[in-house]
Amino acid sequence: MVGTSDPVGSVTADVARATERKLRILTSYSLPMLVGVGATAGYLAPVLTSQEVHGIDVRHRELLGTIARRVKETHPDLEIETFLDQGAPGPSLLKASEDVSMIVLGTRGVGSAQGLLMGSVSYAVAHRAKRPVMLVPESSDRAEAGRVVMGVDGSSRSSAAADWALALARCLHRPLEIVTAWHYPYQAAIPEAGMMMGPDVEELRLALLRDAKDLVRRERTRLQGGHGVHIETDVLEGSAADSLAEFAGPRDIVVVASKSHSLLAAVLLGSTAVGVAHRSRGPVVIVHGS
């Protein structure tokens, strides 16, 4: 976990307790360096003295201790580990997360200028992590339990993410809402332009709607069982990112599948995953597929 403010810490602790996991709290810091030029090009020299570096280290350890004590006040039975690393936060977090179940990061959330951009650390971790990444905006509300909302698209990675969402809903004792979004991708025009109008357009729209309903029904049937999780389905008209973000409230946890770890995915995490993370009022979990 990176950050000290609620609701990030509270959401993280709630999930750790419900899933019977340890909570690992991590922070890191980078030291300023002087970059050599001319005859000393390529060499780095520290700006701070050893005493100043020691002071920075002590302050960060005190910060970690304060966070751990705050979490213990509300979650006394939770096992907590604290880690301090020297380096950039993104690489530090990825290095420390190789043996974890999920990474949790705070974001500015919708409504702020930074909300238009996920943030360099959040984005770097979200697209490079091999574990699910939960992004918790400041607008999240943990006052009472909401739903786990799973966005599906019929792909194998989406189904794998739905399995993960079901397990999370079971641990948190929340209902699971399986959602897909659809939209008619063309604009009606005059027949001479070669595009459909009238009844043909409506027929295609109805076909797309039927396919969307079939998709969520199949996924619900596949996931139903003796796990005790109540599963509902919904079909939304519009772009996937906008529809999911609007559908889920600040008390809901949205789960979406990312693309693979290909070069393209490293540049573009996936329009839906990124779009939901930018717009959501509540936590978003990006589950990475193979």
C-alpha atoms as a PDB file:
ATOM      1  CA  MET A   1       0.000   0.000   0.000  1.00  0.00           C
ATOM      2  CA  VAL A   2       1.266   3.483  -0.840  1.00  0.00           C
ATOM      3  CA  GLY A   3      -0.185   6.524   0.915  1.00  0.00           C
ATOM      4  CA  THR A   4      -1.431   7.406   4.355  1.00  0.00           C
ATOM      5  CA  SER A   5      -4.894   8.830   3.849  1.00  0.00           C
ATOM      6  CA  ASP A   6      -8.232   7.148   4.299  1.00  0.00           C
ATOM      7  CA  PRO A   7     -10.108   5.510   2.701  1.00  0.00           C
ATOM      8  CA  VAL A   8      -7.092   3.779   1.112  1.00  0.00           C
ATOM      9  CA  GLY A   9      -5.814   2.329   4.364  1.00  0.00           C
ATOM     10  CA  SER A  10      -9.280   1.364   5.560  1.00  0.00           C
ATOM     11  CA  VAL A  11     -10.228  -0.380   2.318  1.00  0.00           C
ATOM     12  CA  THR A  12      -6.906  -2.210   2.225  1.00  0.00           C
ATOM     13  CA  ALA A  13      -7.230  -3.369   5.813  1.00  0.00           C
ATOM     14  CA  ASP A  14     -10.824  -4.494   5.250  1.00  0.00           C
ATOM     15  CA  VAL A  15      -9.823  -6.607   2.252  1.00  0.00           C
ATOM     16  CA  ALA A  16      -6.771  -8.058   4.018  1.00  0.00           C
ATOM     17  CA  ARG A  17      -8.848  -9.088   7.019  1.00  0.00           C
ATOM     18  CA  ALA A  18     -11.673 -10.551   4.906  1.00  0.00           C
ATOM     19  CA  THR A  19      -9.268 -12.578   2.764  1.00  0.00           C
ATOM     20  CA  GLU A  20      -7.176 -13.619   5.791  1.00  0.00           C
ATOM     21  CA  ARG A  21      -3.998 -12.083   4.402  1.00  0.00           C
ATOM     22  CA  LYS A  22      -1.163 -10.118   5.920  1.00  0.00           C
ATOM     23  CA  LEU A  23      -1.135  -6.404   5.251  1.00  0.00           C
ATOM     24  CA  ARG A  24       2.162  -5.168   3.870  1.00  0.00           C
ATOM     25  CA  ILE A  25       2.585  -1.390   4.119  1.00  0.00           C
ATOM     26  CA  LEU A  26       5.340   0.067   1.982  1.00  0.00           C
ATOM     27  CA  THR A  27       6.766   3.475   1.325  1.00  0.00           C
ATOM     28  CA  SER A  28       9.910   4.618  -0.442  1.00  0.00           C
ATOM     29  CA  TYR A  29      11.929   7.733  -1.049  1.00  0.00           C
ATOM     30  CA  SER A  30      14.446   8.889  -3.629  1.00  0.00           C
ATOM     31  CA  LEU A  31      17.481  10.981  -2.799  1.00  0.00           C
ATOM     32  CA  PRO A  32      18.414  14.020  -4.900  1.00  0.00           C
ATOM     33  CA  MET A  33      21.594  13.578  -6.923  1.00  0.00           C
ATOM     34  CA  LEU A  34      23.877  15.854  -8.904  1.00  0.00           C
ATOM     35  CA  VAL A  35      24.462  14.724 -12.478  1.00  0.00           C
ATOM     36  CA  GLY A  36      27.944  15.340 -13.782  1.00  0.00           C
ATOM     37  CA  VAL A  37      28.545  17.268 -17.006  1.00  0.00           C
ATOM     38  CA  GLY A  38      31.594  17.848 -19.124  1.00  0.00           C
ATOM     39  CA  ALA A  39      34.572  15.844 -17.865  1.00  0.00           C
ATOM     40  CA  THR A  40      32.414  14.260 -15.125  1.00  0.00           C
ATOM     41  CA  ALA A  41      29.539  13.329 -17.417  1.00  0.00           C
ATOM     42  CA  GLY A  42      27.886  10.081 -16.433  1.00  0.00           C
ATOM     43  CA  TYR A  43      28.759  10.362 -12.754  1.00  0.00           C
ATOM     44  CA  LEU A  44      26.237  10.919  -9.968  1.00  0.00           C
ATOM     45  CA  ALA A  45      27.039  12.630  -6.708  1.00  0.00           C
ATOM     46  CA  PRO A  46      24.826  12.784  -3.605  1.00  0.00           C
ATOM     47  CA  VAL A  47      23.414  16.173  -2.648  1.00  0.00           C
ATOM     48  CA  LEU A  48      22.691  15.328   1.005  1.00  0.00           C
ATOM     49  CA  THR A  49      25.035  14.430   3.822  1.00  0.00           C
ATOM     50  CA  SER A  50      24.887  11.048   5.534  1.00  0.00           C
ATOM     51  CA  GLN A  51      23.221  12.672   8.549  1.00  0.00           C
ATOM     52  CA  GLU A  52      20.519  14.201   6.348  1.00  0.00           C
ATOM     53  CA  VAL A  53      19.912  10.860   4.673  1.00  0.00           C
ATOM     54  CA  HIS A  54      19.638   9.203   8.081  1.00  0.00           C
ATOM     55  CA  GLY A  55      17.073  11.818   9.121  1.00  0.00           C
ATOM     56  CA  ILE A  56      14.963  11.129   6.032  1.00  0.00           C
ATOM     57  CA  ASP A  57      15.130   7.409   6.732  1.00  0.00           C
ATOM     58  CA  VAL A  58      14.043   7.884  10.350  1.00  0.00           C
ATOM     59  CA  ARG A  59      11.091  10.077   9.357  1.00  0.00           C
ATOM     60  CA  HIS A  60       9.829   7.496   6.878  1.00  0.00           C
ATOM     61  CA  ARG A  61      10.139   4.694   9.434  1.00  0.00           C
ATOM     62  CA  GLU A  62       8.185   6.792  11.917  1.00  0.00           C
ATOM     63  CA  LEU A  63       5.535   7.366   9.244  1.00  0.00           C
ATOM     64  CA  LEU A  64       5.234   3.617   8.630  1.00  0.00           C
ATOM     65  CA  GLY A  65       4.901   3.017  12.356  1.00  0.00           C
ATOM     66  CA  THR A  66       2.147   5.632  12.632  1.00  0.00           C
ATOM     67  CA  ILE A  67       0.190   4.078   9.764  1.00  0.00           C
ATOM     68  CA  ALA A  68       0.545   0.592  11.229  1.00  0.00           C
ATOM     69  CA  ARG A  69      -0.718   1.781  14.625  1.00  0.00           C
ATOM     70  CA  ARG A  70      -3.730   3.489  13.041  1.00  0.00           C
ATOM     71  CA  VAL A  71      -4.664   0.321  11.179  1.00  0.00           C
ATOM     72  CA  LYS A  72      -4.235  -1.749  14.354  1.00  0.00           C
ATOM     73  CA  GLU A  73      -6.704   0.495  16.158  1.00  0.00           C
ATOM     74  CA  THR A  74      -9.526  -0.600  13.850  1.00  0.00           C
ATOM     75  CA  HIS A  75      -8.155  -4.032  12.856  1.00  0.00           C
ATOM     76  CA  PRO A  76      -6.384  -5.356  16.003  1.00  0.00           C
ATOM     77  CA  ASP A  77      -6.168  -8.955  14.741  1.00  0.00           C
ATOM     78  CA  LEU A  78      -4.582  -8.050  11.405  1.00  0.00           C
ATOM     79  CA  GLU A  79      -0.975  -9.110  10.875  1.00  0.00           C
ATOM     80  CA  ILE A  80       0.991  -6.149   9.511  1.00  0.00           C
ATOM     81  CA  GLU A  81       4.414  -5.904   7.892  1.00  0.00           C
ATOM     82  CA  THR A  82       6.127  -2.602   7.080  1.00  0.00           C
ATOM     83  CA  PHE A  83       8.761  -2.044   4.397  1.00  0.00           C
ATOM     84  CA  LEU A  84      10.912   0.967   3.594  1.00  0.00           C
ATOM     85  CA  ASP A  85      12.793   1.119   0.326  1.00  0.00           C
ATOM     86  CA  GLN A  86      15.125   3.687  -1.174  1.00  0.00           C
ATOM     87  CA  GLY A  87      14.216   4.322  -4.790  1.00  0.00           C
ATOM     88  CA  ALA A  88      11.408   5.366  -7.100  1.00  0.00           C
ATOM     89  CA  PRO A  89       7.987   4.341  -5.735  1.00  0.00           C
ATOM     90  CA  GLY A  90       6.853   2.418  -8.829  1.00  0.00           C
ATOM     91  CA  PRO A  91       9.821   0.024  -9.066  1.00  0.00           C
ATOM     92  CA  SER A  92       9.939  -0.297  -5.271  1.00  0.00           C
ATOM     93  CA  LEU A  93       6.311  -1.319  -5.126  1.00  0.00           C
ATOM     94  CA  LEU A  94       6.662  -3.805  -7.964  1.00  0.00           C
ATOM     95  CA  LYS A  95       9.749  -5.345  -6.366  1.00  0.00           C
ATOM     96  CA  ALA A  96       7.980  -5.768  -3.036  1.00  0.00           C
ATOM     97  CA  SER A  97       4.828  -7.215  -4.599  1.00  0.00           C
ATOM     98  CA  GLU A  98       6.256 -10.353  -6.197  1.00  0.00           C
ATOM     99  CA  ASP A  99       4.787 -12.585  -3.484  1.00  0.00           C
ATOM    100  CA  VAL A 100       1.576 -10.689  -2.679  1.00  0.00           C
ATOM    101  CA  SER A 101      -2.049 -11.357  -3.620  1.00  0.00           C
ATOM    102  CA  MET A 102      -2.984  -7.788  -4.526  1.00  0.00           C
ATOM    103  CA  ILE A 103      -1.463  -4.314  -4.725  1.00  0.00           C
ATOM    104  CA  VAL A 104      -3.465  -1.343  -3.436  1.00  0.00           C
ATOM    105  CA  LEU A 105      -2.790   2.254  -4.441  1.00  0.00           C
ATOM    106  CA  GLY A 106      -4.572   5.514  -3.776  1.00  0.00           C
ATOM    107  CA  THR A 107      -5.561   7.875  -6.583  1.00  0.00           C
ATOM    108  CA  ARG A 108      -6.781  11.450  -6.675  1.00  0.00           C
ATOM    109  CA  GLY A 109     -10.114  10.330  -8.054  1.00  0.00           C
ATOM    110  CA  VAL A 110     -12.673  11.922 -10.305  1.00  0.00           C
ATOM    111  CA  GLY A 111     -13.200  15.636 -10.018  1.00  0.00           C
ATOM    112  CA  SER A 112      -9.600  16.678  -9.535  1.00  0.00           C
ATOM    113  CA  ALA A 113      -7.244  17.834 -12.229  1.00  0.00           C
ATOM    114  CA  GLN A 114      -5.103  14.788 -11.518  1.00  0.00           C
ATOM    115  CA  GLY A 115      -8.177  12.598 -11.984  1.00  0.00           C
ATOM    116  CA  LEU A 116      -7.817  13.020 -15.728  1.00  0.00           C
ATOM    117  CA  LEU A 117      -4.487  11.237 -15.488  1.00  0.00           C
ATOM    118  CA  MET A 118      -4.186   8.142 -13.355  1.00  0.00           C
ATOM    119  CA  GLY A 119      -0.786   9.253 -12.104  1.00  0.00           C
ATOM    120  CA  SER A 120       2.655   8.069 -13.081  1.00  0.00           C
ATOM    121  CA  VAL A 121       3.068   5.661 -10.156  1.00  0.00           C
ATOM    122  CA  SER A 122      -0.441   4.203 -10.378  1.00  0.00           C
ATOM    123  CA  TYR A 123      -0.211   3.806 -14.143  1.00  0.00           C
ATOM    124  CA  ALA A 124       3.259   2.263 -14.059  1.00  0.00           C
ATOM    125  CA  VAL A 125       2.269  -0.248 -11.401  1.00  0.00           C
ATOM    126  CA  ALA A 126      -1.116  -1.012 -12.961  1.00  0.00           C
ATOM    127  CA  HIS A 127       0.284  -1.932 -16.359  1.00  0.00           C
ATOM    128  CA  ARG A 128       3.445  -3.717 -15.192  1.00  0.00           C
ATOM    129  CA  ALA A 129       2.196  -5.648 -12.158  1.00  0.00           C
ATOM    130  CA  LYS A 130       1.658  -9.382 -12.357  1.00  0.00           C
ATOM    131  CA  ARG A 131      -0.859  -9.243  -9.524  1.00  0.00           C
ATOM    132  CA  PRO A 132      -4.298  -7.630  -9.366  1.00  0.00           C
ATOM    133  CA  VAL A 133      -4.031  -3.896  -8.674  1.00  0.00           C
ATOM    134  CA  MET A 134      -6.693  -2.049  -6.693  1.00  0.00           C
ATOM    135  CA  LEU A 135      -6.907   1.701  -7.263  1.00  0.00           C
ATOM    136  CA  VAL A 136      -8.778   3.525  -4.493  1.00  0.00           C
ATOM    137  CA  PRO A 137      -9.898   7.100  -5.253  1.00  0.00           C
ATOM    138  CA  GLU A 138     -10.403   9.677  -2.544  1.00  0.00           C
ATOM    139  CA  SER A 139     -14.140   9.586  -3.281  1.00  0.00           C
ATOM    140  CA  SER A 140     -14.494   5.969  -2.116  1.00  0.00           C
ATOM    141  CA  ASP A 141     -17.006   5.424   0.663  1.00  0.00           C
ATOM    142  CA  ARG A 142     -16.653   2.460   3.001  1.00  0.00           C
ATOM    143  CA  ALA A 143     -19.492   3.539   5.325  1.00  0.00           C
ATOM    144  CA  GLU A 144     -21.393   0.395   4.416  1.00  0.00           C
ATOM    145  CA  ALA A 145     -20.759  -2.534   2.141  1.00  0.00           C
ATOM    146  CA  GLY A 146     -21.656  -2.241  -1.528  1.00  0.00           C
ATOM    147  CA  ARG A 147     -21.357  -4.658  -4.428  1.00  0.00           C
ATOM    148  CA  VAL A 148     -18.567  -6.205  -6.416  1.00  0.00           C
ATOM    149  CA  VAL A 149     -19.278  -5.108 -10.000  1.00  0.00           C
ATOM    150  CA  MET A 150     -17.607  -7.236 -12.681  1.00  0.00           C
ATOM    151  CA  GLY A 151     -17.382  -5.908 -16.238  1.00  0.00           C
ATOM    152  CA  VAL A 152     -17.325  -8.765 -18.766  1.00  0.00           C
ATOM    153  CA  ASP A 153     -16.769  -8.822 -22.523  1.00  0.00           C
ATOM    154  CA  GLY A 154     -16.832 -12.534 -23.382  1.00  0.00           C
ATOM    155  CA  SER A 155     -13.051 -13.004 -23.573  1.00  0.00           C
ATOM    156  CA  SER A 156     -11.130 -15.677 -21.687  1.00  0.00           C
ATOM    157  CA  ARG A 157      -9.276 -13.038 -19.652  1.00  0.00           C
ATOM    158  CA  SER A 158     -12.637 -11.508 -18.725  1.00  0.00           C
ATOM    159  CA  SER A 159     -13.894 -14.895 -17.498  1.00  0.00           C
ATOM    160  CA  ALA A 160     -10.726 -15.404 -15.454  1.00  0.00           C
ATOM    161  CA  ALA A 161     -11.210 -11.975 -13.898  1.00  0.00           C
ATOM    162  CA  ALA A 162     -14.849 -12.870 -13.143  1.00  0.00           C
ATOM    163  CA  ASP A 163     -13.641 -15.927 -11.199  1.00  0.00           C
ATOM    164  CA  TRP A 164     -11.388 -13.617  -9.192  1.00  0.00           C
ATOM    165  CA  ALA A 165     -14.266 -11.178  -8.618  1.00  0.00           C
ATOM    166  CA  LEU A 166     -16.467 -14.001  -7.348  1.00  0.00           C
ATOM    167  CA  ALA A 167     -13.800 -15.034  -4.839  1.00  0.00           C
ATOM    168  CA  LEU A 168     -13.499 -11.429  -3.649  1.00  0.00           C
ATOM    169  CA  ALA A 169     -17.281 -11.082  -3.296  1.00  0.00           C
ATOM    170  CA  ARG A 170     -17.402 -14.287  -1.263  1.00  0.00           C
ATOM    171  CA  CYS A 171     -14.648 -13.120   1.099  1.00  0.00           C
ATOM    172  CA  LEU A 172     -16.220  -9.673   1.547  1.00  0.00           C
ATOM    173  CA  HIS A 173     -19.775 -11.072   1.852  1.00  0.00           C
ATOM    174  CA  ARG A 174     -20.928  -8.805  -0.970  1.00  0.00           C
ATOM    175  CA  PRO A 175     -23.275  -9.517  -3.882  1.00  0.00           C
ATOM    176  CA  LEU A 176     -21.712  -9.851  -7.323  1.00  0.00           C
ATOM    177  CA  GLU A 177     -23.110  -7.827 -10.212  1.00  0.00           C
ATOM    178  CA  ILE A 178     -22.075  -9.065 -13.676  1.00  0.00           C
ATOM    179  CA  VAL A 179     -22.282  -6.229 -16.169  1.00  0.00           C
ATOM    180  CA  THR A 180     -21.582  -5.769 -19.844  1.00  0.00           C
ATOM    181  CA  ALA A 181     -21.931  -2.705 -22.030  1.00  0.00           C
ATOM    182  CA  TRP A 182     -23.044  -2.480 -25.643  1.00  0.00           C
ATOM    183  CA  HIS A 183     -23.599   0.259 -28.167  1.00  0.00           C
ATOM    184  CA  TYR A 184     -24.589   0.600 -31.810  1.00  0.00           C
ATOM    185  CA  PRO A 185     -21.317   1.669 -33.465  1.00  0.00           C
ATOM    186  CA  TYR A 186     -22.674   3.293 -36.611  1.00  0.00           C
ATOM    187  CA  GLN A 187     -24.592   6.441 -37.435  1.00  0.00           C
ATOM    188  CA  ALA A 188     -27.671   6.092 -39.628  1.00  0.00           C
ATOM    189  CA  ALA A 189     -27.379   7.944 -42.918  1.00  0.00           C
ATOM    190  CA  ILE A 190     -29.103   8.152 -46.274  1.00  0.00           C
ATOM    191  CA  PRO A 191     -29.366   4.841 -48.176  1.00  0.00           C
ATOM    192  CA  GLU A 192     -27.238   6.214 -51.021  1.00  0.00           C
ATOM    193  CA  ALA A 193     -24.304   6.392 -48.611  1.00  0.00           C
ATOM    194  CA  GLY A 194     -24.404   2.650 -48.152  1.00  0.00           C
ATOM    195  CA  MET A 195     -25.472   2.753 -44.507  1.00  0.00           C
ATOM    196  CA  MET A 196     -28.597   1.234 -42.988  1.00  0.00           C
ATOM    197  CA  MET A 197     -31.639   3.139 -41.844  1.00  0.00           C
ATOM    198  CA  GLY A 198     -35.008   2.445 -40.285  1.00  0.00           C
ATOM    199  CA  PRO A 199     -35.969  -1.131 -39.405  1.00  0.00           C
ATOM    200  CA  ASP A 200     -32.559  -2.546 -40.371  1.00  0.00           C
ATOM    201  CA  VAL A 201     -30.861  -0.348 -37.807  1.00  0.00           C
ATOM    202  CA  GLU A 202     -33.354  -1.304 -35.130  1.00  0.00           C
ATOM    203  CA  GLU A 203     -32.920  -4.998 -35.933  1.00  0.00           C
ATOM    204  CA  LEU A 204     -29.181  -4.738 -35.482  1.00  0.00           C
ATOM    205  CA  ARG A 205     -29.578  -2.829 -32.231  1.00  0.00           C
ATOM    206  CA  LEU A 206     -31.908  -5.524 -30.890  1.00  0.00           C
ATOM    207  CA  ALA A 207     -29.452  -8.224 -31.967  1.00  0.00           C
ATOM    208  CA  LEU A 208     -26.626  -6.478 -30.124  1.00  0.00           C
ATOM    209  CA  LEU A 209     -28.805  -6.155 -27.034  1.00  0.00           C
ATOM    210  CA  ARG A 210     -29.738  -9.851 -27.188  1.00  0.00           C
ATOM    211  CA  ASP A 211     -26.076 -10.828 -27.476  1.00  0.00           C
ATOM    212  CA  ALA A 212     -25.222  -8.680 -24.455  1.00  0.00           C
ATOM    213  CA  LYS A 213     -27.986 -10.253 -22.383  1.00  0.00           C
ATOM    214  CA  ASP A 214     -26.896 -13.740 -23.447  1.00  0.00           C
ATOM    215  CA  LEU A 215     -23.326 -12.948 -22.429  1.00  0.00           C
ATOM    216  CA  VAL A 216     -24.139 -11.950 -18.849  1.00  0.00           C
ATOM    217  CA  ARG A 217     -26.590 -14.846 -18.499  1.00  0.00           C
ATOM    218  CA  ARG A 218     -23.925 -17.344 -19.577  1.00  0.00           C
ATOM    219  CA  GLU A 219     -21.415 -15.850 -17.181  1.00  0.00           C
ATOM    220  CA  ARG A 220     -23.920 -15.949 -14.334  1.00  0.00           C
ATOM    221  CA  THR A 221     -24.748 -19.580 -15.063  1.00  0.00           C
ATOM    222  CA  ARG A 222     -21.064 -20.463 -15.157  1.00  0.00           C
ATOM    223  CA  LEU A 223     -20.375 -18.810 -11.802  1.00  0.00           C
ATOM    224  CA  GLN A 224     -23.425 -20.024  -9.899  1.00  0.00           C
ATOM    225  CA  GLY A 225     -22.791 -22.687  -7.299  1.00  0.00           C
ATOM    226  CA  GLY A 226     -22.621 -23.424  -3.600  1.00  0.00           C
ATOM    227  CA  HIS A 227     -20.493 -20.409  -2.698  1.00  0.00           C
ATOM    228  CA  GLY A 228     -23.391 -18.411  -1.215  1.00  0.00           C
ATOM    229  CA  VAL A 229     -22.771 -15.283  -3.294  1.00  0.00           C
ATOM    230  CA  HIS A 230     -25.881 -13.599  -4.680  1.00  0.00           C
ATOM    231  CA  ILE A 231     -25.301 -12.878  -8.375  1.00  0.00           C
ATOM    232  CA  GLU A 232     -27.207 -10.346 -10.460  1.00  0.00           C
ATOM    233  CA  THR A 233     -26.750  -9.267 -14.075  1.00  0.00           C
ATOM    234  CA  ASP A 234     -27.184  -6.004 -15.907  1.00  0.00           C
ATOM    235  CA  VAL A 235     -26.754  -4.727 -19.464  1.00  0.00           C
ATOM    236  CA  LEU A 236     -25.728  -1.120 -20.054  1.00  0.00           C
ATOM    237  CA  GLU A 237     -25.938   0.861 -23.280  1.00  0.00           C
ATOM    238  CA  GLY A 238     -22.903   3.024 -23.987  1.00  0.00           C
ATOM    239  CA  SER A 239     -19.140   2.805 -23.893  1.00  0.00           C
ATOM    240  CA  ALA A 240     -17.823   0.229 -21.441  1.00  0.00           C
ATOM    241  CA  ALA A 241     -15.691   2.656 -19.410  1.00  0.00           C
ATOM    242  CA  ASP A 242     -18.332   5.375 -19.069  1.00  0.00           C
ATOM    243  CA  SER A 243     -21.155   2.914 -18.395  1.00  0.00           C
ATOM    244  CA  LEU A 244     -19.280   0.969 -15.711  1.00  0.00           C
ATOM    245  CA  ALA A 245     -18.040   4.086 -13.955  1.00  0.00           C
ATOM    246  CA  GLU A 246     -21.532   5.588 -13.890  1.00  0.00           C
ATOM    247  CA  PHE A 247     -23.194   2.324 -12.858  1.00  0.00           C
ATOM    248  CA  ALA A 248     -20.944   1.658  -9.849  1.00  0.00           C
ATOM    249  CA  GLY A 249     -21.185   3.853  -6.779  1.00  0.00           C
ATOM    250  CA  PRO A 250     -18.490   4.904  -4.284  1.00  0.00           C
ATOM    251  CA  ARG A 251     -19.296   1.877  -2.090  1.00  0.00           C
ATOM    252  CA  ASP A 252     -18.893  -0.631  -4.926  1.00  0.00           C
ATOM    253  CA  ILE A 253     -15.701  -2.348  -6.041  1.00  0.00           C
ATOM    254  CA  VAL A 254     -15.380  -2.571  -9.827  1.00  0.00           C
ATOM    255  CA  VAL A 255     -13.341  -5.418 -11.320  1.00  0.00           C
ATOM    256  CA  VAL A 256     -12.063  -5.291 -14.906  1.00  0.00           C
ATOM    257  CA  ALA A 257      -9.615  -7.415 -16.861  1.00  0.00           C
ATOM    258  CA  SER A 258      -6.508  -5.877 -18.337  1.00  0.00           C
ATOM    259  CA  LYS A 259      -4.717  -6.834 -21.497  1.00  0.00           C
ATOM    260  CA  SER A 260      -1.685  -9.105 -21.495  1.00  0.00           C
ATOM    261  CA  HIS A 261       1.857  -8.001 -20.712  1.00  0.00           C
ATOM    262  CA  SER A 262       2.671  -7.464 -24.368  1.00  0.00           C
ATOM    263  CA  LEU A 263       4.535  -4.374 -25.568  1.00  0.00           C
ATOM    264  CA  LEU A 264       1.272  -2.784 -26.667  1.00  0.00           C
ATOM    265  CA  ALA A 265      -0.325  -3.467 -23.297  1.00  0.00           C
ATOM    266  CA  ALA A 266       2.626  -1.818 -21.613  1.00  0.00           C
ATOM    267  CA  VAL A 267       1.810   1.356 -23.528  1.00  0.00           C
ATOM    268  CA  LEU A 268      -1.978   1.077 -23.486  1.00  0.00           C
ATOM    269  CA  LEU A 269      -3.277  -0.776 -20.453  1.00  0.00           C
ATOM    270  CA  GLY A 270      -6.626  -1.154 -22.151  1.00  0.00           C
ATOM    271  CA  SER A 271      -9.131   1.555 -22.879  1.00  0.00           C
ATOM    272  CA  THR A 272     -11.787   0.076 -20.601  1.00  0.00           C
ATOM    273  CA  ALA A 273      -9.480  -0.583 -17.643  1.00  0.00           C
ATOM    274  CA  VAL A 274      -7.887   2.846 -17.808  1.00  0.00           C
ATOM    275  CA  GLY A 275     -11.192   4.610 -18.528  1.00  0.00           C
ATOM    276  CA  VAL A 276     -12.910   3.032 -15.535  1.00  0.00           C
ATOM    277  CA  ALA A 277      -9.931   3.779 -13.288  1.00  0.00           C
ATOM    278  CA  HIS A 278     -10.021   7.425 -14.355  1.00  0.00           C
ATOM    279  CA  ARG A 279     -13.744   7.876 -13.808  1.00  0.00           C
ATOM    280  CA  SER A 280     -14.791   5.539 -11.005  1.00  0.00           C
ATOM    281  CA  ARG A 281     -15.989   6.948  -7.690  1.00  0.00           C
ATOM    282  CA  GLY A 282     -15.060   3.740  -5.869  1.00  0.00           C
ATOM    283  CA  PRO A 283     -12.203   1.213  -5.876  1.00  0.00           C
ATOM    284  CA  VAL A 284     -11.270  -0.412  -9.191  1.00  0.00           C
ATOM    285  CA  VAL A 285      -9.389  -3.708  -9.389  1.00  0.00           C
ATOM    286  CA  ILE A 286      -7.463  -4.415 -12.594  1.00  0.00           C
ATOM    287  CA  VAL A 287      -6.912  -8.176 -12.937  1.00  0.00           C
ATOM    288  CA  HIS A 288      -4.133  -9.103 -15.310  1.00  0.00           C
ATOM    289  CA  GLY A 289      -4.592 -11.931 -17.762  1.00  0.00           C
ATOM    290  CA  SER A 290      -1.997 -14.018 -19.499  1.00  0.00           C
END
